[in-house]
C-alpha atoms as a PDB file:
ATOM      1  CA  MET A   1      18.224 -19.076  53.329  1.00  0.00           C
ATOM      2  CA  ARG A   2      21.569 -19.387  51.534  1.00  0.00           C
ATOM      3  CA  VAL A   3      23.978 -21.837  53.124  1.00  0.00           C
ATOM      4  CA  GLY A   4      27.163 -20.305  54.483  1.00  0.00           C
ATOM      5  CA  SER A   5      26.129 -16.718  53.877  1.00  0.00           C
ATOM      6  CA  THR A   6      25.241 -13.802  56.054  1.00  0.00           C
ATOM      7  CA  ASN A   7      21.901 -12.235  55.183  1.00  0.00           C
ATOM      8  CA  TYR A   8      21.276  -8.510  54.961  1.00  0.00           C
ATOM      9  CA  SER A   9      18.211  -6.374  54.529  1.00  0.00           C
ATOM     10  CA  ILE A  10      18.249  -4.118  51.496  1.00  0.00           C
ATOM     11  CA  GLY A  11      18.975  -1.119  53.715  1.00  0.00           C
ATOM     12  CA  LYS A  12      21.978  -2.794  55.332  1.00  0.00           C
ATOM     13  CA  PHE A  13      23.165  -4.127  51.979  1.00  0.00           C
ATOM     14  CA  ALA A  14      22.998  -0.630  50.485  1.00  0.00           C
ATOM     15  CA  GLU A  15      24.958   0.712  53.447  1.00  0.00           C
ATOM     16  CA  LEU A  16      27.650  -1.969  53.153  1.00  0.00           C
ATOM     17  CA  SER A  17      28.026  -1.670  49.405  1.00  0.00           C
ATOM     18  CA  GLY A  18      27.629   2.086  49.050  1.00  0.00           C
ATOM     19  CA  ILE A  19      25.047   1.517  46.293  1.00  0.00           C
ATOM     20  CA  PRO A  20      21.697   3.348  46.604  1.00  0.00           C
ATOM     21  CA  ILE A  21      18.578   1.258  47.239  1.00  0.00           C
ATOM     22  CA  ARG A  22      17.039   2.563  44.020  1.00  0.00           C
ATOM     23  CA  THR A  23      20.019   1.243  42.043  1.00  0.00           C
ATOM     24  CA  LEU A  24      19.781  -2.142  43.790  1.00  0.00           C
ATOM     25  CA  HIS A  25      16.118  -2.318  42.768  1.00  0.00           C
ATOM     26  CA  TYR A  26      17.102  -1.570  39.179  1.00  0.00           C
ATOM     27  CA  TYR A  27      19.860  -4.200  39.157  1.00  0.00           C
ATOM     28  CA  GLU A  28      17.260  -6.701  40.326  1.00  0.00           C
ATOM     29  CA  GLU A  29      14.810  -5.618  37.584  1.00  0.00           C
ATOM     30  CA  VAL A  30      17.376  -6.192  34.827  1.00  0.00           C
ATOM     31  CA  GLY A  31      18.487  -9.547  36.226  1.00  0.00           C
ATOM     32  CA  LEU A  32      21.876  -8.607  37.631  1.00  0.00           C
ATOM     33  CA  LEU A  33      21.098  -9.250  41.302  1.00  0.00           C
ATOM     34  CA  CYS A  34      18.691 -11.926  42.508  1.00  0.00           C
ATOM     35  CA  PRO A  35      18.039 -11.482  46.246  1.00  0.00           C
ATOM     36  CA  ILE A  36      15.959 -14.020  48.126  1.00  0.00           C
ATOM     37  CA  ARG A  37      12.429 -12.965  48.993  1.00  0.00           C
ATOM     38  CA  GLN A  38      11.430 -13.700  52.580  1.00  0.00           C
ATOM     39  CA  GLU A  39       7.910 -14.815  53.508  1.00  0.00           C
ATOM     40  CA  ASN A  40       6.993 -11.211  54.290  1.00  0.00           C
ATOM     41  CA  GLY A  41       8.178 -10.161  50.824  1.00  0.00           C
ATOM     42  CA  HIS A  42      11.286  -8.349  52.021  1.00  0.00           C
ATOM     43  CA  ARG A  43      14.515  -8.819  50.070  1.00  0.00           C
ATOM     44  CA  SER A  44      17.378 -10.701  51.685  1.00  0.00           C
ATOM     45  CA  TYR A  45      20.905 -10.286  50.332  1.00  0.00           C
ATOM     46  CA  GLY A  46      23.754 -12.651  51.089  1.00  0.00           C
ATOM     47  CA  THR A  47      27.546 -12.611  50.900  1.00  0.00           C
ATOM     48  CA  ALA A  48      27.332 -14.052  47.366  1.00  0.00           C
ATOM     49  CA  ASP A  49      25.224 -11.037  46.341  1.00  0.00           C
ATOM     50  CA  LEU A  50      27.890  -8.717  47.715  1.00  0.00           C
ATOM     51  CA  ILE A  51      30.532 -10.507  45.621  1.00  0.00           C
ATOM     52  CA  THR A  52      28.284 -10.312  42.549  1.00  0.00           C
ATOM     53  CA  LEU A  53      27.748  -6.606  43.167  1.00  0.00           C
ATOM     54  CA  GLN A  54      31.516  -6.037  43.292  1.00  0.00           C
ATOM     55  CA  LYS A  55      31.796  -7.798  39.924  1.00  0.00           C
ATOM     56  CA  ILE A  56      29.076  -5.559  38.517  1.00  0.00           C
ATOM     57  CA  ILE A  57      30.841  -2.436  39.769  1.00  0.00           C
ATOM     58  CA  GLY A  58      34.190  -3.637  38.411  1.00  0.00           C
ATOM     59  CA  LEU A  59      32.888  -4.547  34.957  1.00  0.00           C
ATOM     60  CA  LYS A  60      30.820  -1.364  34.751  1.00  0.00           C
ATOM     61  CA  SER A  61      33.931   0.690  35.553  1.00  0.00           C
ATOM     62  CA  ILE A  62      35.696  -0.686  32.451  1.00  0.00           C
ATOM     63  CA  GLY A  63      32.775   0.082  30.177  1.00  0.00           C
ATOM     64  CA  PHE A  64      30.719  -3.116  30.078  1.00  0.00           C
ATOM     65  CA  SER A  65      27.024  -2.570  29.373  1.00  0.00           C
ATOM     66  CA  LEU A  66      24.592  -3.931  31.944  1.00  0.00           C
ATOM     67  CA  GLU A  67      23.407  -6.538  29.431  1.00  0.00           C
ATOM     68  CA  ARG A  68      26.986  -7.742  28.868  1.00  0.00           C
ATOM     69  CA  ILE A  69      27.525  -7.837  32.621  1.00  0.00           C
ATOM     70  CA  ARG A  70      24.385  -9.936  33.097  1.00  0.00           C
ATOM     71  CA  LYS A  71      25.487 -12.444  30.467  1.00  0.00           C
ATOM     72  CA  PHE A  72      29.017 -12.551  31.818  1.00  0.00           C
ATOM     73  CA  ILE A  73      28.003 -13.076  35.445  1.00  0.00           C
ATOM     74  CA  HIS A  74      24.999 -15.346  35.093  1.00  0.00           C
ATOM     75  CA  HIS A  75      25.656 -17.144  31.797  1.00  0.00           C
ATOM     76  CA  ARG A  76      29.452 -16.993  31.945  1.00  0.00           C
ATOM     77  CA  GLU A  77      29.547 -16.422  28.190  1.00  0.00           C
ATOM     78  CA  SER A  78      30.806 -19.991  28.107  1.00  0.00           C
ATOM     79  CA  GLU A  79      32.001 -19.807  24.510  1.00  0.00           C
ATOM     80  CA  MET A  80      34.623 -17.194  25.422  1.00  0.00           C
ATOM     81  CA  SER A  81      37.400 -17.114  27.983  1.00  0.00           C
ATOM     82  CA  LEU A  82      37.810 -14.194  30.351  1.00  0.00           C
ATOM     83  CA  ALA A  83      40.799 -12.982  28.312  1.00  0.00           C
ATOM     84  CA  GLU A  84      38.751 -13.060  25.081  1.00  0.00           C
ATOM     85  CA  THR A  85      35.906 -11.187  26.748  1.00  0.00           C
ATOM     86  CA  LEU A  86      38.253  -8.512  28.053  1.00  0.00           C
ATOM     87  CA  ASN A  87      39.964  -8.202  24.669  1.00  0.00           C
ATOM     88  CA  LEU A  88      36.609  -7.639  22.992  1.00  0.00           C
ATOM     89  CA  GLN A  89      35.759  -5.010  25.572  1.00  0.00           C
ATOM     90  CA  GLN A  90      39.124  -3.329  25.015  1.00  0.00           C
ATOM     91  CA  GLN A  91      38.430  -3.172  21.262  1.00  0.00           C
ATOM     92  CA  ALA A  92      34.975  -1.719  21.907  1.00  0.00           C
ATOM     93  CA  LEU A  93      36.421   0.952  24.187  1.00  0.00           C
ATOM     94  CA  HIS A  94      39.109   1.856  21.638  1.00  0.00           C
ATOM     95  CA  ALA A  95      36.364   2.289  19.033  1.00  0.00           C
ATOM     96  CA  ALA A  96      34.300   4.379  21.443  1.00  0.00           C
ATOM     97  CA  ARG A  97      37.344   6.513  22.268  1.00  0.00           C
ATOM     98  CA  ALA A  98      38.047   7.076  18.561  1.00  0.00           C
ATOM     99  CA  GLU A  99      34.434   8.162  18.080  1.00  0.00           C
ATOM    100  CA  LEU A 100      34.663  10.472  21.092  1.00  0.00           C
ATOM    101  CA  ASP A 101      37.949  11.943  19.827  1.00  0.00           C
ATOM    102  CA  LYS A 102      36.324  12.631  16.435  1.00  0.00           C
ATOM    103  CA  SER A 103      33.362  14.306  18.139  1.00  0.00           C
ATOM    104  CA  LEU A 104      35.711  16.496  20.181  1.00  0.00           C
ATOM    105  CA  GLU A 105      37.657  17.399  17.040  1.00  0.00           C
ATOM    106  CA  ILE A 106      34.458  18.408  15.224  1.00  0.00           C
ATOM    107  CA  LEU A 107      33.299  20.486  18.194  1.00  0.00           C
ATOM    108  CA  GLY A 108      36.663  22.258  18.288  1.00  0.00           C
ATOM    109  CA  ARG A 109      36.504  23.028  14.576  1.00  0.00           C
ATOM    110  CA  LEU A 110      32.946  24.345  14.823  1.00  0.00           C
ATOM    111  CA  ILE A 111      33.855  26.522  17.812  1.00  0.00           C
ATOM    112  CA  THR A 112      36.814  27.935  15.859  1.00  0.00           C
ATOM    113  CA  ILE A 113      34.526  28.731  12.920  1.00  0.00           C
ATOM    114  CA  LEU A 114      31.963  30.415  15.172  1.00  0.00           C
ATOM    115  CA  GLN A 115      34.632  32.455  16.921  1.00  0.00           C
ATOM    116  CA  ARG A 116      35.852  33.678  13.541  1.00  0.00           C
ATOM    117  CA  GLU A 117      32.525  34.077  11.720  1.00  0.00           C
ATOM    118  CA  GLY A 118      30.442  35.196  14.676  1.00  0.00           C
ATOM    119  CA  GLU A 119      27.390  33.360  13.340  1.00  0.00           C
ATOM    120  CA  LEU A 120      26.646  30.349  11.175  1.00  0.00           C
ATOM    121  CA  GLU A 121      23.405  29.255   9.533  1.00  0.00           C
ATOM    122  CA  HIS A 122      22.095  25.974  10.900  1.00  0.00           C
ATOM    123  CA  ASN A 123      21.996  24.378   7.439  1.00  0.00           C
ATOM    124  CA  MET A 124      25.657  25.230   6.903  1.00  0.00           C
ATOM    125  CA  MET A 125      26.622  23.978  10.352  1.00  0.00           C
ATOM    126  CA  PHE A 126      24.982  20.593   9.782  1.00  0.00           C
ATOM    127  CA  LEU A 127      26.541  20.379   6.318  1.00  0.00           C
ATOM    128  CA  LEU A 128      29.954  20.950   7.891  1.00  0.00           C
ATOM    129  CA  ILE A 129      29.257  18.255  10.488  1.00  0.00           C
ATOM    130  CA  ARG A 130      28.213  15.754   7.808  1.00  0.00           C
ATOM    131  CA  ASN A 131      31.377  16.407   5.810  1.00  0.00           C
ATOM    132  CA  MET A 132      33.580  16.185   8.889  1.00  0.00           C
ATOM    133  CA  LEU A 133      32.023  12.830   9.844  1.00  0.00           C
ATOM    134  CA  ARG A 134      32.720  11.496   6.335  1.00  0.00           C
ATOM    135  CA  GLU A 135      36.387  12.466   6.227  1.00  0.00           C
ATOM    136  CA  GLU A 136      37.649   8.895   6.701  1.00  0.00           C
ATOM    137  CA  LYS A 137      35.555   7.739   3.737  1.00  0.00           C
ATOM    138  CA  GLN A 138      36.634  10.781   1.748  1.00  0.00           C
ATOM    139  CA  ARG A 139      40.247   9.953   2.498  1.00  0.00           C
ATOM    140  CA  SER A 140      39.742   6.343   1.364  1.00  0.00           C
ATOM    141  CA  TRP A 141      38.278   7.576  -1.929  1.00  0.00           C
ATOM    142  CA  VAL A 142      41.178   9.966  -2.531  1.00  0.00           C
ATOM    143  CA  THR A 143      43.721   7.253  -1.691  1.00  0.00           C
ATOM    144  CA  GLU A 144      42.093   4.741  -4.042  1.00  0.00           C
ATOM    145  CA  HIS A 145      41.350   7.026  -6.998  1.00  0.00           C
ATOM    146  CA  LEU A 146      43.985   9.771  -6.771  1.00  0.00           C
ATOM    147  CA  SER A 147      47.005   8.983  -4.591  1.00  0.00           C
ATOM    148  CA  GLU A 148      48.143   8.333  -1.039  1.00  0.00           C
ATOM    149  CA  GLN A 149      50.316  11.453  -1.161  1.00  0.00           C
ATOM    150  CA  THR A 150      47.309  13.611  -2.025  1.00  0.00           C
ATOM    151  CA  ALA A 151      45.304  11.998   0.777  1.00  0.00           C
ATOM    152  CA  THR A 152      48.126  12.787   3.189  1.00  0.00           C
ATOM    153  CA  ALA A 153      48.317  16.384   1.962  1.00  0.00           C
ATOM    154  CA  LEU A 154      44.578  16.836   2.463  1.00  0.00           C
ATOM    155  CA  PHE A 155      44.001  15.003   5.725  1.00  0.00           C
ATOM    156  CA  ASP A 156      47.286  14.710   7.678  1.00  0.00           C
ATOM    157  CA  ILE A 157      47.580  18.387   8.469  1.00  0.00           C
ATOM    158  CA  SER A 158      47.858  20.616  11.508  1.00  0.00           C
ATOM    159  CA  GLN A 159      44.888  22.085  13.373  1.00  0.00           C
ATOM    160  CA  ASP A 160      45.760  25.509  11.967  1.00  0.00           C
ATOM    161  CA  ALA A 161      45.759  24.132   8.422  1.00  0.00           C
ATOM    162  CA  VAL A 162      42.418  22.400   9.049  1.00  0.00           C
ATOM    163  CA  ALA A 163      40.957  25.672  10.344  1.00  0.00           C
ATOM    164  CA  GLU A 164      42.233  27.461   7.224  1.00  0.00           C
ATOM    165  CA  LEU A 165      40.624  24.873   4.923  1.00  0.00           C
ATOM    166  CA  ASP A 166      37.338  25.159   6.823  1.00  0.00           C
ATOM    167  CA  ARG A 167      37.512  28.949   6.436  1.00  0.00           C
ATOM    168  CA  GLU A 168      38.258  28.705   2.718  1.00  0.00           C
ATOM    169  CA  MET A 169      35.383  26.283   2.166  1.00  0.00           C
ATOM    170  CA  LEU A 170      32.946  28.710   3.785  1.00  0.00           C
ATOM    171  CA  SER A 171      34.377  31.630   1.828  1.00  0.00           C
ATOM    172  CA  PHE A 172      34.124  29.672  -1.423  1.00  0.00           C
ATOM    173  CA  ALA A 173      30.481  28.754  -0.721  1.00  0.00           C
ATOM    174  CA  GLU A 174      29.640  32.390   0.065  1.00  0.00           C
ATOM    175  CA  ALA A 175      31.381  33.593  -3.103  1.00  0.00           C
ATOM    176  CA  VAL A 176      29.565  31.120  -5.350  1.00  0.00           C
ATOM    177  CA  LYS A 177      26.180  32.016  -3.850  1.00  0.00           C
ATOM    178  CA  ARG A 178      26.875  35.731  -4.308  1.00  0.00           C
ATOM    179  CA  LEU A 179      28.405  35.578  -7.788  1.00  0.00           C
ATOM    180  CA  SER A 180      25.896  33.103  -9.211  1.00  0.00           C
ATOM    181  CA  ALA A 181      23.464  36.017  -9.505  1.00  0.00           C
ATOM    182  CA  GLY A 182      25.669  37.215 -12.384  1.00  0.00           C
ATOM    183  CA  GLU A 183      27.299  35.689 -15.446  1.00  0.00           C
ATOM    184  CA  PRO A 184      29.660  32.683 -15.100  1.00  0.00           C
ATOM    185  CA  ASP A 185      32.258  34.410 -17.314  1.00  0.00           C
ATOM    186  CA  ALA A 186      32.274  37.653 -15.321  1.00  0.00           C
ATOM    187  CA  THR A 187      35.667  39.021 -14.315  1.00  0.00           C
ATOM    188  CA  GLU A 188      34.896  38.627 -10.606  1.00  0.00           C
ATOM    189  CA  ALA A 189      33.995  34.966 -11.153  1.00  0.00           C
ATOM    190  CA  GLU A 190      37.296  34.446 -12.986  1.00  0.00           C
ATOM    191  CA  GLU A 191      39.189  36.093 -10.146  1.00  0.00           C
ATOM    192  CA  MET A 192      37.418  33.979  -7.543  1.00  0.00           C
ATOM    193  CA  LEU A 193      38.204  30.740  -9.368  1.00  0.00           C
ATOM    194  CA  GLY A 194      41.699  32.048 -10.033  1.00  0.00           C
ATOM    195  CA  PHE A 195      42.284  31.805  -6.298  1.00  0.00           C
ATOM    196  CA  TYR A 196      40.475  28.551  -5.467  1.00  0.00           C
ATOM    197  CA  VAL A 197      41.327  26.372  -8.485  1.00  0.00           C
ATOM    198  CA  PRO A 198      45.141  26.636  -8.040  1.00  0.00           C
ATOM    199  CA  ARG A 199      44.618  26.161  -4.291  1.00  0.00           C
ATOM    200  CA  ILE A 200      42.896  22.850  -4.944  1.00  0.00           C
ATOM    201  CA  LEU A 201      45.390  21.755  -7.600  1.00  0.00           C
ATOM    202  CA  ASP A 202      48.272  22.405  -5.185  1.00  0.00           C
ATOM    203  CA  PHE A 203      47.128  19.363  -3.186  1.00  0.00           C
ATOM    204  CA  LEU A 204      47.450  17.039  -6.209  1.00  0.00           C
ATOM    205  CA  ASP A 205      50.756  15.295  -6.821  1.00  0.00           C
ATOM    206  CA  ASP A 206      51.788  13.993 -10.270  1.00  0.00           C
ATOM    207  CA  LYS A 207      50.161  10.598  -9.679  1.00  0.00           C
ATOM    208  CA  ALA A 208      46.867  12.198  -8.669  1.00  0.00           C
ATOM    209  CA  ILE A 209      46.935  14.475 -11.738  1.00  0.00           C
ATOM    210  CA  ALA A 210      47.618  11.464 -13.951  1.00  0.00           C
ATOM    211  CA  ASN A 211      44.752   9.530 -12.360  1.00  0.00           C
ATOM    212  CA  PHE A 212      42.315  12.440 -12.377  1.00  0.00           C
ATOM    213  CA  ALA A 213      41.393  12.204 -16.053  1.00  0.00           C
ATOM    214  CA  ASP A 214      40.765   8.455 -15.782  1.00  0.00           C
ATOM    215  CA  ILE A 215      38.256   8.498 -12.924  1.00  0.00           C
ATOM    216  CA  PRO A 216      35.042   6.807 -14.169  1.00  0.00           C
ATOM    217  CA  ALA A 217      31.745   8.655 -14.005  1.00  0.00           C
ATOM    218  CA  GLU A 218      30.351   6.422 -11.264  1.00  0.00           C
ATOM    219  CA  GLN A 219      33.253   7.358  -9.005  1.00  0.00           C
ATOM    220  CA  HIS A 220      32.627  11.054  -9.600  1.00  0.00           C
ATOM    221  CA  GLU A 221      29.067  10.354  -8.460  1.00  0.00           C
ATOM    222  CA  ARG A 222      30.390   8.490  -5.419  1.00  0.00           C
ATOM    223  CA  LEU A 223      32.561  11.498  -4.539  1.00  0.00           C
ATOM    224  CA  ASN A 224      29.534  13.768  -4.857  1.00  0.00           C
ATOM    225  CA  GLN A 225      27.764  11.534  -2.330  1.00  0.00           C
ATOM    226  CA  LEU A 226      30.702  11.760   0.078  1.00  0.00           C
ATOM    227  CA  VAL A 227      31.154  15.535  -0.134  1.00  0.00           C
ATOM    228  CA  ASP A 228      28.135  17.726   0.540  1.00  0.00           C
ATOM    229  CA  MET A 229      28.151  21.121  -1.148  1.00  0.00           C
ATOM    230  CA  PRO A 230      25.816  23.903   0.036  1.00  0.00           C
ATOM    231  CA  PHE A 231      24.512  24.771  -3.420  1.00  0.00           C
ATOM    232  CA  ASN A 232      21.113  24.539  -5.038  1.00  0.00           C
ATOM    233  CA  GLU A 233      20.638  23.324  -8.607  1.00  0.00           C
ATOM    234  CA  ARG A 234      20.949  26.801 -10.129  1.00  0.00           C
ATOM    235  CA  GLU A 235      24.193  27.469  -8.246  1.00  0.00           C
ATOM    236  CA  VAL A 236      25.612  24.098  -9.291  1.00  0.00           C
ATOM    237  CA  ASP A 237      24.832  24.833 -12.944  1.00  0.00           C
ATOM    238  CA  TRP A 238      26.433  28.292 -12.635  1.00  0.00           C
ATOM    239  CA  LEU A 239      29.556  26.813 -11.027  1.00  0.00           C
ATOM    240  CA  ASP A 240      29.857  24.177 -13.763  1.00  0.00           C
ATOM    241  CA  GLU A 241      29.662  26.889 -16.428  1.00  0.00           C
ATOM    242  CA  ALA A 242      32.107  29.138 -14.566  1.00  0.00           C
ATOM    243  CA  LEU A 243      34.620  26.289 -14.203  1.00  0.00           C
ATOM    244  CA  ALA A 244      34.259  25.338 -17.873  1.00  0.00           C
ATOM    245  CA  HIS A 245      34.863  28.963 -18.886  1.00  0.00           C
ATOM    246  CA  TYR A 246      37.848  29.262 -16.541  1.00  0.00           C
ATOM    247  CA  ALA A 247      39.424  26.022 -17.819  1.00  0.00           C
ATOM    248  CA  SER A 248      38.866  27.084 -21.416  1.00  0.00           C
ATOM    249  CA  LYS A 249      40.433  30.513 -20.879  1.00  0.00           C
ATOM    250  CA  PHE A 250      43.195  29.805 -18.367  1.00  0.00           C
ATOM    251  CA  GLY A 251      43.651  26.034 -18.402  1.00  0.00           C
ATOM    252  CA  LEU A 252      44.112  23.664 -15.483  1.00  0.00           C
ATOM    253  CA  HIS A 253      47.788  23.352 -14.658  1.00  0.00           C
ATOM    254  CA  GLY A 254      49.027  19.771 -15.011  1.00  0.00           C
ATOM    255  CA  ILE A 255      45.645  18.233 -15.796  1.00  0.00           C
ATOM    256  CA  ASP A 256      45.549  19.828 -19.249  1.00  0.00           C
ATOM    257  CA  GLY A 257      48.964  18.395 -19.994  1.00  0.00           C
ATOM    258  CA  LYS A 258      47.747  14.939 -19.096  1.00  0.00           C
ATOM    259  CA  LYS A 259      44.712  15.288 -21.384  1.00  0.00           C
ATOM    260  CA  GLU A 260      46.872  16.483 -24.280  1.00  0.00           C
ATOM    261  CA  ALA A 261      49.258  13.562 -23.820  1.00  0.00           C
ATOM    262  CA  GLN A 262      46.305  11.146 -23.934  1.00  0.00           C
ATOM    263  CA  LYS A 263      45.062  12.719 -27.192  1.00  0.00           C
ATOM    264  CA  GLU A 264      48.524  12.313 -28.787  1.00  0.00           C
ATOM    265  CA  GLU A 265      48.619   8.649 -27.786  1.00  0.00           C
END
């Protein structure tokens, strides 16, 4: 028997604490609560157990895992003060909230796409999700290899602008898949690229255009790893040929000027 404590049966303890008996059993299994066992095998909870249970409830309410609670209560995490422990938990919750916010953003974007398109192939949906999850890394690449202004223009935009970019990406993918059955220098292919190429170039500021020609091959490969495109090998080859034809015939505003300047130097 614990000195200076009132003892309760598990039923009475559950009633006092408002915690179901099944949960009390589980807390005992994972080492959070350690009731005394009487000679008849029945559990006996004391006032100290009630205090411990209140700690468990309090820490659980601010997002501590049961394992962290067990270490905190029974091992005191002696290397860290209470303030340090709470600060770490606050950081963990901020990270979890950022992850949740990103998940909610992605869900909202997918719902918008479905409302507009009516239907979406599973492969395309998962490709969109992968790209959306990589946007922070994509932004870092653009900032490092193109410019901060271009990164801002691409990623710091309104929900309506994001929805428009998502729509254009799907439309571009559909157009490439459809047109790749024909020749890369066909008039319709030129017209399609005539819309999308200037649209992309509009996001590039002068610094990004200047840096574009100097990006090493390994960084182009890194970008390809960060941005999934929904094309098979044949479609990729067709798009490369169509872009080469378009650039040869119409030029790439700003980028061509940079290349010519480099040749003169």
